[in-house]
Amino acid sequence: MFKQRLRKNNNPEACAQLRILKYCKACGYVAGKIKVKGSLSHGRFIYDPYTFRGMPDLIIFTPKIHFCEVKALTGKQSLEQKVFQGLCEAAGIPYILAYDIKDLQKAGL
């Protein structure tokens, strides 16, 4: 349905994010990426000390808020991401671990 060609600088996870974002927008949902990366300083990657480690990749607004962590087919959640998922589940906030659009459909989106 939503095919994305791999470009030279793209990785499989970034392509999956793009497919999921396009799917959400086609369904009429408001969706976007959450930017939590650090920055390069003097050739070294530095995390911003004020970011929330484990924050998922996407936020999707249906009538509810959904957090969505996107992984490539061989990707696994980090410990921080599992902790964030636990916080969402404890608060009753939908959290989706998605490898493809089918995982969103299974979650009811």
PDB file of N, CA and C in Angstrom:
ATOM      1  N   MET A   1       0.821  -1.192   0.000  1.00  0.00           N
ATOM      2  CA  MET A   1       0.000   0.000   0.000  1.00  0.00           C
ATOM      3  C   MET A   1       0.868   1.259   0.000  1.00  0.00           C
ATOM      4  N   PHE A   2       1.669   1.460   1.071  1.00  0.00           N
ATOM      5  CA  PHE A   2       2.542   2.623   1.162  1.00  0.00           C
ATOM      6  C   PHE A   2       3.980   2.132   1.060  1.00  0.00           C
ATOM      7  N   LYS A   3       4.496   2.085  -0.137  1.00  0.00           N
ATOM      8  CA  LYS A   3       5.863   1.620  -0.333  1.00  0.00           C
ATOM      9  C   LYS A   3       6.810   2.804  -0.329  1.00  0.00           C
ATOM     10  N   GLN A   4       7.946   2.601   0.267  1.00  0.00           N
ATOM     11  CA  GLN A   4       8.970   3.631   0.334  1.00  0.00           C
ATOM     12  C   GLN A   4      10.276   3.018  -0.130  1.00  0.00           C
ATOM     13  N   ARG A   5      10.877   3.601  -1.131  1.00  0.00           N
ATOM     14  CA  ARG A   5      12.166   3.106  -1.592  1.00  0.00           C
ATOM     15  C   ARG A   5      13.259   3.490  -0.615  1.00  0.00           C
ATOM     16  N   LEU A   6      14.175   2.560  -0.381  1.00  0.00           N
ATOM     17  CA  LEU A   6      15.329   2.883   0.451  1.00  0.00           C
ATOM     18  C   LEU A   6      16.262   3.787  -0.335  1.00  0.00           C
ATOM     19  N   ARG A   7      16.579   4.894   0.242  1.00  0.00           N
ATOM     20  CA  ARG A   7      17.541   5.786  -0.372  1.00  0.00           C
ATOM     21  C   ARG A   7      18.892   5.532   0.264  1.00  0.00           C
ATOM     22  N   LYS A   8      19.887   6.139  -0.309  1.00  0.00           N
ATOM     23  CA  LYS A   8      21.253   5.937   0.150  1.00  0.00           C
ATOM     24  C   LYS A   8      21.406   6.235   1.640  1.00  0.00           C
ATOM     25  N   ASN A   9      20.794   7.317   2.125  1.00  0.00           N
ATOM     26  CA  ASN A   9      20.979   7.730   3.510  1.00  0.00           C
ATOM     27  C   ASN A   9      19.883   7.219   4.444  1.00  0.00           C
ATOM     28  N   ASN A  10      18.868   6.546   3.915  1.00  0.00           N
ATOM     29  CA  ASN A  10      17.778   6.070   4.762  1.00  0.00           C
ATOM     30  C   ASN A  10      18.119   4.725   5.367  1.00  0.00           C
ATOM     31  N   ASN A  11      17.507   4.456   6.508  1.00  0.00           N
ATOM     32  CA  ASN A  11      17.639   3.146   7.111  1.00  0.00           C
ATOM     33  C   ASN A  11      16.253   2.518   7.195  1.00  0.00           C
ATOM     34  N   PRO A  12      16.154   1.222   7.407  1.00  0.00           N
ATOM     35  CA  PRO A  12      14.848   0.562   7.408  1.00  0.00           C
ATOM     36  C   PRO A  12      13.885   1.115   8.448  1.00  0.00           C
ATOM     37  N   GLU A  13      14.395   1.506   9.616  1.00  0.00           N
ATOM     38  CA  GLU A  13      13.510   2.061  10.645  1.00  0.00           C
ATOM     39  C   GLU A  13      12.932   3.403  10.212  1.00  0.00           C
ATOM     40  N   ALA A  14      13.745   4.244   9.603  1.00  0.00           N
ATOM     41  CA  ALA A  14      13.260   5.546   9.121  1.00  0.00           C
ATOM     42  C   ALA A  14      12.191   5.354   8.045  1.00  0.00           C
ATOM     43  N   CYS A  15      12.378   4.365   7.181  1.00  0.00           N
ATOM     44  CA  CYS A  15      11.378   4.089   6.141  1.00  0.00           C
ATOM     45  C   CYS A  15      10.084   3.581   6.756  1.00  0.00           C
ATOM     46  N   ALA A  16      10.178   2.743   7.797  1.00  0.00           N
ATOM     47  CA  ALA A  16       8.980   2.254   8.485  1.00  0.00           C
ATOM     48  C   ALA A  16       8.248   3.417   9.148  1.00  0.00           C
ATOM     49  N   GLN A  17       8.983   4.344   9.762  1.00  0.00           N
ATOM     50  CA  GLN A  17       8.357   5.522  10.366  1.00  0.00           C
ATOM     51  C   GLN A  17       7.585   6.314   9.318  1.00  0.00           C
ATOM     52  N   LEU A  18       8.193   6.517   8.166  1.00  0.00           N
ATOM     53  CA  LEU A  18       7.557   7.279   7.100  1.00  0.00           C
ATOM     54  C   LEU A  18       6.282   6.586   6.615  1.00  0.00           C
ATOM     55  N   ARG A  19       6.333   5.270   6.434  1.00  0.00           N
ATOM     56  CA  ARG A  19       5.135   4.523   6.020  1.00  0.00           C
ATOM     57  C   ARG A  19       4.025   4.657   7.049  1.00  0.00           C
ATOM     58  N   ILE A  20       4.382   4.553   8.324  1.00  0.00           N
ATOM     59  CA  ILE A  20       3.385   4.650   9.395  1.00  0.00           C
ATOM     60  C   ILE A  20       2.802   6.048   9.452  1.00  0.00           C
ATOM     61  N   LEU A  21       3.644   7.084   9.318  1.00  0.00           N
ATOM     62  CA  LEU A  21       3.131   8.458   9.320  1.00  0.00           C
ATOM     63  C   LEU A  21       2.177   8.702   8.153  1.00  0.00           C
ATOM     64  N   LYS A  22       2.531   8.217   6.972  1.00  0.00           N
ATOM     65  CA  LYS A  22       1.656   8.377   5.802  1.00  0.00           C
ATOM     66  C   LYS A  22       0.339   7.640   6.005  1.00  0.00           C
ATOM     67  N   TYR A  23       0.396   6.447   6.590  1.00  0.00           N
ATOM     68  CA  TYR A  23      -0.815   5.682   6.867  1.00  0.00           C
ATOM     69  C   TYR A  23      -1.716   6.449   7.837  1.00  0.00           C
ATOM     70  N   CYS A  24      -1.138   6.974   8.908  1.00  0.00           N
ATOM     71  CA  CYS A  24      -1.919   7.711   9.910  1.00  0.00           C
ATOM     72  C   CYS A  24      -2.584   8.935   9.292  1.00  0.00           C
ATOM     73  N   LYS A  25      -1.844   9.666   8.501  1.00  0.00           N
ATOM     74  CA  LYS A  25      -2.405  10.860   7.870  1.00  0.00           C
ATOM     75  C   LYS A  25      -3.491  10.490   6.871  1.00  0.00           C
ATOM     76  N   ALA A  26      -3.325   9.363   6.147  1.00  0.00           N
ATOM     77  CA  ALA A  26      -4.353   8.908   5.210  1.00  0.00           C
ATOM     78  C   ALA A  26      -5.627   8.497   5.946  1.00  0.00           C
ATOM     79  N   CYS A  27      -5.481   8.047   7.193  1.00  0.00           N
ATOM     80  CA  CYS A  27      -6.646   7.668   8.013  1.00  0.00           C
ATOM     81  C   CYS A  27      -7.284   8.881   8.687  1.00  0.00           C
ATOM     82  N   GLY A  28      -6.681  10.051   8.530  1.00  0.00           N
ATOM     83  CA  GLY A  28      -7.228  11.262   9.122  1.00  0.00           C
ATOM     84  C   GLY A  28      -6.727  11.567  10.518  1.00  0.00           C
ATOM     85  N   TYR A  29      -5.700  10.852  10.969  1.00  0.00           N
ATOM     86  CA  TYR A  29      -5.129  11.109  12.290  1.00  0.00           C
ATOM     87  C   TYR A  29      -4.059  12.192  12.194  1.00  0.00           C
ATOM     88  N   VAL A  30      -3.854  12.884  13.283  1.00  0.00           N
ATOM     89  CA  VAL A  30      -2.745  13.828  13.384  1.00  0.00           C
ATOM     90  C   VAL A  30      -1.578  13.047  13.981  1.00  0.00           C
ATOM     91  N   ALA A  31      -0.468  13.005  13.275  1.00  0.00           N
ATOM     92  CA  ALA A  31       0.670  12.217  13.731  1.00  0.00           C
ATOM     93  C   ALA A  31       1.964  12.934  13.396  1.00  0.00           C
ATOM     94  N   GLY A  32       2.975  12.726  14.216  1.00  0.00           N
ATOM     95  CA  GLY A  32       4.262  13.347  13.949  1.00  0.00           C
ATOM     96  C   GLY A  32       5.371  12.680  14.736  1.00  0.00           C
ATOM     97  N   LYS A  33       6.592  13.012  14.365  1.00  0.00           N
ATOM     98  CA  LYS A  33       7.771  12.472  15.020  1.00  0.00           C
ATOM     99  C   LYS A  33       8.060  13.259  16.292  1.00  0.00           C
ATOM    100  N   ILE A  34       8.596  12.544  17.260  1.00  0.00           N
ATOM    101  CA  ILE A  34       9.065  13.170  18.487  1.00  0.00           C
ATOM    102  C   ILE A  34      10.588  13.243  18.369  1.00  0.00           C
ATOM    103  N   LYS A  35      11.126  14.435  18.423  1.00  0.00           N
ATOM    104  CA  LYS A  35      12.579  14.618  18.282  1.00  0.00           C
ATOM    105  C   LYS A  35      13.206  14.608  19.669  1.00  0.00           C
ATOM    106  N   VAL A  36      13.965  13.575  19.965  1.00  0.00           N
ATOM    107  CA  VAL A  36      14.607  13.487  21.273  1.00  0.00           C
ATOM    108  C   VAL A  36      16.098  13.214  21.161  1.00  0.00           C
ATOM    109  N   LYS A  37      16.626  13.369  19.988  1.00  0.00           N
ATOM    110  CA  LYS A  37      18.056  13.097  19.779  1.00  0.00           C
ATOM    111  C   LYS A  37      18.902  14.184  20.417  1.00  0.00           C
ATOM    112  N   GLY A  38      20.145  13.882  20.564  1.00  0.00           N
ATOM    113  CA  GLY A  38      21.101  14.859  21.039  1.00  0.00           C
ATOM    114  C   GLY A  38      21.692  15.609  19.862  1.00  0.00           C
ATOM    115  N   SER A  39      22.909  16.015  20.010  1.00  0.00           N
ATOM    116  CA  SER A  39      23.548  16.771  18.937  1.00  0.00           C
ATOM    117  C   SER A  39      25.027  16.397  18.852  1.00  0.00           C
ATOM    118  N   LEU A  40      25.633  16.789  17.756  1.00  0.00           N
ATOM    119  CA  LEU A  40      27.061  16.582  17.585  1.00  0.00           C
ATOM    120  C   LEU A  40      27.810  17.805  18.093  1.00  0.00           C
ATOM    121  N   SER A  41      28.809  17.557  18.887  1.00  0.00           N
ATOM    122  CA  SER A  41      29.641  18.639  19.392  1.00  0.00           C
ATOM    123  C   SER A  41      31.088  18.181  19.319  1.00  0.00           C
ATOM    124  N   HIS A  42      31.882  18.876  18.543  1.00  0.00           N
ATOM    125  CA  HIS A  42      33.299  18.536  18.369  1.00  0.00           C
ATOM    126  C   HIS A  42      33.461  17.088  17.904  1.00  0.00           C
ATOM    127  N   GLY A  43      32.559  16.644  17.020  1.00  0.00           N
ATOM    128  CA  GLY A  43      32.653  15.308  16.452  1.00  0.00           C
ATOM    129  C   GLY A  43      32.116  14.197  17.335  1.00  0.00           C
ATOM    130  N   ARG A  44      31.576  14.538  18.496  1.00  0.00           N
ATOM    131  CA  ARG A  44      31.025  13.544  19.418  1.00  0.00           C
ATOM    132  C   ARG A  44      29.524  13.742  19.562  1.00  0.00           C
ATOM    133  N   PHE A  45      28.807  12.637  19.689  1.00  0.00           N
ATOM    134  CA  PHE A  45      27.362  12.714  19.894  1.00  0.00           C
ATOM    135  C   PHE A  45      27.098  12.919  21.378  1.00  0.00           C
ATOM    136  N   ILE A  46      26.298  13.941  21.694  1.00  0.00           N
ATOM    137  CA  ILE A  46      25.997  14.267  23.083  1.00  0.00           C
ATOM    138  C   ILE A  46      24.479  14.289  23.262  1.00  0.00           C
ATOM    139  N   TYR A  47      23.984  13.513  24.219  1.00  0.00           N
ATOM    140  CA  TYR A  47      22.556  13.546  24.539  1.00  0.00           C
ATOM    141  C   TYR A  47      22.250  14.802  25.327  1.00  0.00           C
ATOM    142  N   ASP A  48      21.105  15.386  25.058  1.00  0.00           N
ATOM    143  CA  ASP A  48      20.620  16.506  25.847  1.00  0.00           C
ATOM    144  C   ASP A  48      20.241  15.957  27.226  1.00  0.00           C
ATOM    145  N   PRO A  49      20.799  16.479  28.313  1.00  0.00           N
ATOM    146  CA  PRO A  49      20.498  15.908  29.637  1.00  0.00           C
ATOM    147  C   PRO A  49      19.050  16.102  30.074  1.00  0.00           C
ATOM    148  N   TYR A  50      18.298  16.948  29.378  1.00  0.00           N
ATOM    149  CA  TYR A  50      16.916  17.218  29.769  1.00  0.00           C
ATOM    150  C   TYR A  50      15.896  16.449  28.941  1.00  0.00           C
ATOM    151  N   THR A  51      16.353  15.612  28.021  1.00  0.00           N
ATOM    152  CA  THR A  51      15.401  14.807  27.264  1.00  0.00           C
ATOM    153  C   THR A  51      15.011  13.596  28.083  1.00  0.00           C
ATOM    154  N   PHE A  52      13.838  13.076  27.777  1.00  0.00           N
ATOM    155  CA  PHE A  52      13.321  11.892  28.455  1.00  0.00           C
ATOM    156  C   PHE A  52      13.822  10.672  27.704  1.00  0.00           C
ATOM    157  N   ARG A  53      14.739   9.930  28.267  1.00  0.00           N
ATOM    158  CA  ARG A  53      15.279   8.750  27.598  1.00  0.00           C
ATOM    159  C   ARG A  53      14.186   7.700  27.475  1.00  0.00           C
ATOM    160  N   GLY A  54      14.105   7.064  26.318  1.00  0.00           N
ATOM    161  CA  GLY A  54      13.098   6.039  26.082  1.00  0.00           C
ATOM    162  C   GLY A  54      11.836   6.554  25.425  1.00  0.00           C
ATOM    163  N   MET A  55      11.785   7.858  25.171  1.00  0.00           N
ATOM    164  CA  MET A  55      10.609   8.442  24.516  1.00  0.00           C
ATOM    165  C   MET A  55      10.437   7.791  23.143  1.00  0.00           C
ATOM    166  N   PRO A  56       9.202   7.426  22.776  1.00  0.00           N
ATOM    167  CA  PRO A  56       8.992   6.757  21.489  1.00  0.00           C
ATOM    168  C   PRO A  56       9.180   7.689  20.300  1.00  0.00           C
ATOM    169  N   ASP A  57       9.178   7.099  19.113  1.00  0.00           N
ATOM    170  CA  ASP A  57       9.450   7.842  17.883  1.00  0.00           C
ATOM    171  C   ASP A  57       8.301   8.735  17.442  1.00  0.00           C
ATOM    172  N   LEU A  58       7.069   8.247  17.607  1.00  0.00           N
ATOM    173  CA  LEU A  58       5.907   8.950  17.050  1.00  0.00           C
ATOM    174  C   LEU A  58       4.834   9.175  18.102  1.00  0.00           C
ATOM    175  N   ILE A  59       4.058  10.221  17.886  1.00  0.00           N
ATOM    176  CA  ILE A  59       2.846  10.462  18.668  1.00  0.00           C
ATOM    177  C   ILE A  59       1.698  10.557  17.674  1.00  0.00           C
ATOM    178  N   ILE A  60       0.618   9.878  17.988  1.00  0.00           N
ATOM    179  CA  ILE A  60      -0.533   9.812  17.089  1.00  0.00           C
ATOM    180  C   ILE A  60      -1.767  10.269  17.866  1.00  0.00           C
ATOM    181  N   PHE A  61      -2.477  11.242  17.295  1.00  0.00           N
ATOM    182  CA  PHE A  61      -3.701  11.738  17.910  1.00  0.00           C
ATOM    183  C   PHE A  61      -4.902  11.204  17.137  1.00  0.00           C
ATOM    184  N   THR A  62      -5.655  10.335  17.778  1.00  0.00           N
ATOM    185  CA  THR A  62      -6.978   9.950  17.307  1.00  0.00           C
ATOM    186  C   THR A  62      -7.865  10.695  18.305  1.00  0.00           C
ATOM    187  N   PRO A  63      -9.005  10.249  18.650  1.00  0.00           N
ATOM    188  CA  PRO A  63      -9.603  10.901  19.815  1.00  0.00           C
ATOM    189  C   PRO A  63      -8.731  10.743  21.066  1.00  0.00           C
ATOM    190  N   LYS A  64      -7.832   9.759  21.079  1.00  0.00           N
ATOM    191  CA  LYS A  64      -6.877   9.544  22.175  1.00  0.00           C
ATOM    192  C   LYS A  64      -5.465   9.836  21.690  1.00  0.00           C
ATOM    193  N   ILE A  65      -4.546   9.924  22.639  1.00  0.00           N
ATOM    194  CA  ILE A  65      -3.122  10.033  22.324  1.00  0.00           C
ATOM    195  C   ILE A  65      -2.542   8.627  22.338  1.00  0.00           C
ATOM    196  N   HIS A  66      -1.752   8.303  21.333  1.00  0.00           N
ATOM    197  CA  HIS A  66      -1.047   7.027  21.258  1.00  0.00           C
ATOM    198  C   HIS A  66       0.438   7.317  21.073  1.00  0.00           C
ATOM    199  N   PHE A  67       1.272   6.628  21.831  1.00  0.00           N
ATOM    200  CA  PHE A  67       2.706   6.682  21.600  1.00  0.00           C
ATOM    201  C   PHE A  67       3.085   5.462  20.779  1.00  0.00           C
ATOM    202  N   CYS A  68       3.964   5.649  19.803  1.00  0.00           N
ATOM    203  CA  CYS A  68       4.334   4.565  18.905  1.00  0.00           C
ATOM    204  C   CYS A  68       5.853   4.492  18.766  1.00  0.00           C
ATOM    205  N   GLU A  69       6.410   3.376  19.186  1.00  0.00           N
ATOM    206  CA  GLU A  69       7.837   3.116  18.996  1.00  0.00           C
ATOM    207  C   GLU A  69       7.975   2.265  17.744  1.00  0.00           C
ATOM    208  N   VAL A  70       8.734   2.743  16.776  1.00  0.00           N
ATOM    209  CA  VAL A  70       8.898   2.047  15.502  1.00  0.00           C
ATOM    210  C   VAL A  70      10.258   1.361  15.483  1.00  0.00           C
ATOM    211  N   LYS A  71      10.247   0.107  15.064  1.00  0.00           N
ATOM    212  CA  LYS A  71      11.480  -0.669  14.969  1.00  0.00           C
ATOM    213  C   LYS A  71      11.584  -1.303  13.593  1.00  0.00           C
ATOM    214  N   ALA A  72      12.806  -1.481  13.127  1.00  0.00           N
ATOM    215  CA  ALA A  72      13.047  -2.279  11.928  1.00  0.00           C
ATOM    216  C   ALA A  72      12.712  -3.727  12.287  1.00  0.00           C
ATOM    217  N   LEU A  73      12.570  -4.570  11.288  1.00  0.00           N
ATOM    218  CA  LEU A  73      12.151  -5.954  11.542  1.00  0.00           C
ATOM    219  C   LEU A  73      13.046  -6.684  12.536  1.00  0.00           C
ATOM    220  N   THR A  74      14.308  -6.344  12.588  1.00  0.00           N
ATOM    221  CA  THR A  74      15.228  -7.010  13.518  1.00  0.00           C
ATOM    222  C   THR A  74      15.502  -6.177  14.765  1.00  0.00           C
ATOM    223  N   GLY A  75      14.843  -5.023  14.899  1.00  0.00           N
ATOM    224  CA  GLY A  75      15.102  -4.124  16.017  1.00  0.00           C
ATOM    225  C   GLY A  75      14.467  -4.587  17.315  1.00  0.00           C
ATOM    226  N   LYS A  76      15.057  -4.158  18.429  1.00  0.00           N
ATOM    227  CA  LYS A  76      14.548  -4.492  19.763  1.00  0.00           C
ATOM    228  C   LYS A  76      14.498  -3.222  20.600  1.00  0.00           C
ATOM    229  N   GLN A  77      13.571  -3.195  21.556  1.00  0.00           N
ATOM    230  CA  GLN A  77      13.450  -2.053  22.452  1.00  0.00           C
ATOM    231  C   GLN A  77      14.637  -2.003  23.418  1.00  0.00           C
ATOM    232  N   SER A  78      15.053  -0.777  23.719  1.00  0.00           N
ATOM    233  CA  SER A  78      16.073  -0.590  24.748  1.00  0.00           C
ATOM    234  C   SER A  78      15.398  -0.682  26.118  1.00  0.00           C
ATOM    235  N   LEU A  79      16.189  -0.776  27.161  1.00  0.00           N
ATOM    236  CA  LEU A  79      15.655  -0.814  28.515  1.00  0.00           C
ATOM    237  C   LEU A  79      14.842   0.451  28.810  1.00  0.00           C
ATOM    238  N   GLU A  80      15.360   1.612  28.389  1.00  0.00           N
ATOM    239  CA  GLU A  80      14.646   2.872  28.621  1.00  0.00           C
ATOM    240  C   GLU A  80      13.291   2.884  27.906  1.00  0.00           C
ATOM    241  N   GLN A  81      13.229   2.313  26.717  1.00  0.00           N
ATOM    242  CA  GLN A  81      11.975   2.259  25.969  1.00  0.00           C
ATOM    243  C   GLN A  81      10.974   1.331  26.657  1.00  0.00           C
ATOM    244  N   LYS A  82      11.449   0.242  27.224  1.00  0.00           N
ATOM    245  CA  LYS A  82      10.563  -0.665  27.963  1.00  0.00           C
ATOM    246  C   LYS A  82      10.025   0.009  29.219  1.00  0.00           C
ATOM    247  N   VAL A  83      10.870   0.795  29.884  1.00  0.00           N
ATOM    248  CA  VAL A  83      10.426   1.540  31.066  1.00  0.00           C
ATOM    249  C   VAL A  83       9.342   2.541  30.670  1.00  0.00           C
ATOM    250  N   PHE A  84       9.548   3.260  29.560  1.00  0.00           N
ATOM    251  CA  PHE A  84       8.544   4.223  29.098  1.00  0.00           C
ATOM    252  C   PHE A  84       7.239   3.508  28.760  1.00  0.00           C
ATOM    253  N   GLN A  85       7.314   2.343  28.120  1.00  0.00           N
ATOM    254  CA  GLN A  85       6.117   1.570  27.811  1.00  0.00           C
ATOM    255  C   GLN A  85       5.377   1.208  29.097  1.00  0.00           C
ATOM    256  N   GLY A  86       6.107   0.816  30.127  1.00  0.00           N
ATOM    257  CA  GLY A  86       5.495   0.500  31.416  1.00  0.00           C
ATOM    258  C   GLY A  86       4.798   1.699  32.032  1.00  0.00           C
ATOM    259  N   LEU A  87       5.407   2.885  31.908  1.00  0.00           N
ATOM    260  CA  LEU A  87       4.776   4.108  32.421  1.00  0.00           C
ATOM    261  C   LEU A  87       3.467   4.388  31.691  1.00  0.00           C
ATOM    262  N   CYS A  88       3.483   4.207  30.369  1.00  0.00           N
ATOM    263  CA  CYS A  88       2.265   4.422  29.581  1.00  0.00           C
ATOM    264  C   CYS A  88       1.176   3.440  29.988  1.00  0.00           C
ATOM    265  N   GLU A  89       1.534   2.182  30.118  1.00  0.00           N
ATOM    266  CA  GLU A  89       0.554   1.168  30.482  1.00  0.00           C
ATOM    267  C   GLU A  89      -0.025   1.445  31.859  1.00  0.00           C
ATOM    268  N   ALA A  90       0.803   1.877  32.819  1.00  0.00           N
ATOM    269  CA  ALA A  90       0.326   2.196  34.168  1.00  0.00           C
ATOM    270  C   ALA A  90      -0.627   3.388  34.161  1.00  0.00           C
ATOM    271  N   ALA A  91      -0.403   4.317  33.222  1.00  0.00           N
ATOM    272  CA  ALA A  91      -1.240   5.517  33.129  1.00  0.00           C
ATOM    273  C   ALA A  91      -2.442   5.324  32.209  1.00  0.00           C
ATOM    274  N   GLY A  92      -2.541   4.154  31.568  1.00  0.00           N
ATOM    275  CA  GLY A  92      -3.658   3.905  30.651  1.00  0.00           C
ATOM    276  C   GLY A  92      -3.517   4.598  29.312  1.00  0.00           C
ATOM    277  N   ILE A  93      -2.286   4.919  28.929  1.00  0.00           N
ATOM    278  CA  ILE A  93      -2.024   5.578  27.648  1.00  0.00           C
ATOM    279  C   ILE A  93      -1.622   4.512  26.644  1.00  0.00           C
ATOM    280  N   PRO A  94      -2.291   4.434  25.490  1.00  0.00           N
ATOM    281  CA  PRO A  94      -1.934   3.422  24.497  1.00  0.00           C
ATOM    282  C   PRO A  94      -0.496   3.583  24.008  1.00  0.00           C
ATOM    283  N   TYR A  95       0.228   2.471  23.993  1.00  0.00           N
ATOM    284  CA  TYR A  95       1.614   2.414  23.529  1.00  0.00           C
ATOM    285  C   TYR A  95       1.679   1.296  22.497  1.00  0.00           C
ATOM    286  N   ILE A  96       2.206   1.598  21.329  1.00  0.00           N
ATOM    287  CA  ILE A  96       2.269   0.624  20.244  1.00  0.00           C
ATOM    288  C   ILE A  96       3.724   0.401  19.871  1.00  0.00           C
ATOM    289  N   LEU A  97       4.145  -0.848  19.881  1.00  0.00           N
ATOM    290  CA  LEU A  97       5.448  -1.223  19.353  1.00  0.00           C
ATOM    291  C   LEU A  97       5.194  -1.708  17.934  1.00  0.00           C
ATOM    292  N   ALA A  98       5.610  -0.925  16.952  1.00  0.00           N
ATOM    293  CA  ALA A  98       5.243  -1.197  15.559  1.00  0.00           C
ATOM    294  C   ALA A  98       6.465  -1.527  14.715  1.00  0.00           C
ATOM    295  N   TYR A  99       6.341  -2.614  13.988  1.00  0.00           N
ATOM    296  CA  TYR A  99       7.342  -2.979  12.994  1.00  0.00           C
ATOM    297  C   TYR A  99       6.837  -2.640  11.600  1.00  0.00           C
ATOM    298  N   ASP A 100       5.512  -2.485  11.483  1.00  0.00           N
ATOM    299  CA  ASP A 100       4.891  -2.154  10.203  1.00  0.00           C
ATOM    300  C   ASP A 100       3.474  -1.648  10.467  1.00  0.00           C
ATOM    301  N   ILE A 101       2.797  -1.259   9.419  1.00  0.00           N
ATOM    302  CA  ILE A 101       1.431  -0.734   9.521  1.00  0.00           C
ATOM    303  C   ILE A 101       0.489  -1.760  10.144  1.00  0.00           C
ATOM    304  N   LYS A 102       0.731  -3.031   9.915  1.00  0.00           N
ATOM    305  CA  LYS A 102      -0.134  -4.090  10.457  1.00  0.00           C
ATOM    306  C   LYS A 102      -0.211  -4.015  11.985  1.00  0.00           C
ATOM    307  N   ASP A 103       0.863  -3.599  12.651  1.00  0.00           N
ATOM    308  CA  ASP A 103       0.855  -3.495  14.098  1.00  0.00           C
ATOM    309  C   ASP A 103      -0.065  -2.377  14.566  1.00  0.00           C
ATOM    310  N   LEU A 104      -0.185  -1.303  13.795  1.00  0.00           N
ATOM    311  CA  LEU A 104      -1.133  -0.250  14.123  1.00  0.00           C
ATOM    312  C   LEU A 104      -2.561  -0.749  13.923  1.00  0.00           C
ATOM    313  N   GLN A 105      -2.783  -1.488  12.847  1.00  0.00           N
ATOM    314  CA  GLN A 105      -4.110  -2.025  12.573  1.00  0.00           C
ATOM    315  C   GLN A 105      -4.533  -2.993  13.678  1.00  0.00           C
ATOM    316  N   LYS A 106      -3.602  -3.804  14.187  1.00  0.00           N
ATOM    317  CA  LYS A 106      -3.909  -4.723  15.283  1.00  0.00           C
ATOM    318  C   LYS A 106      -4.294  -3.947  16.555  1.00  0.00           C
ATOM    319  N   ALA A 107      -3.704  -2.737  16.706  1.00  0.00           N
ATOM    320  CA  ALA A 107      -3.996  -1.899  17.881  1.00  0.00           C
ATOM    321  C   ALA A 107      -5.291  -1.101  17.693  1.00  0.00           C
ATOM    322  N   GLY A 108      -5.948  -1.275  16.558  1.00  0.00           N
ATOM    323  CA  GLY A 108      -7.221  -0.607  16.341  1.00  0.00           C
ATOM    324  C   GLY A 108      -7.139   0.719  15.609  1.00  0.00           C
ATOM    325  N   LEU A 109      -5.997   1.031  15.035  1.00  0.00           N
ATOM    326  CA  LEU A 109      -5.869   2.289  14.294  1.00  0.00           C
ATOM    327  C   LEU A 109      -6.012   2.028  12.801  1.00  0.00           C
TER     328      LEU A 109
END
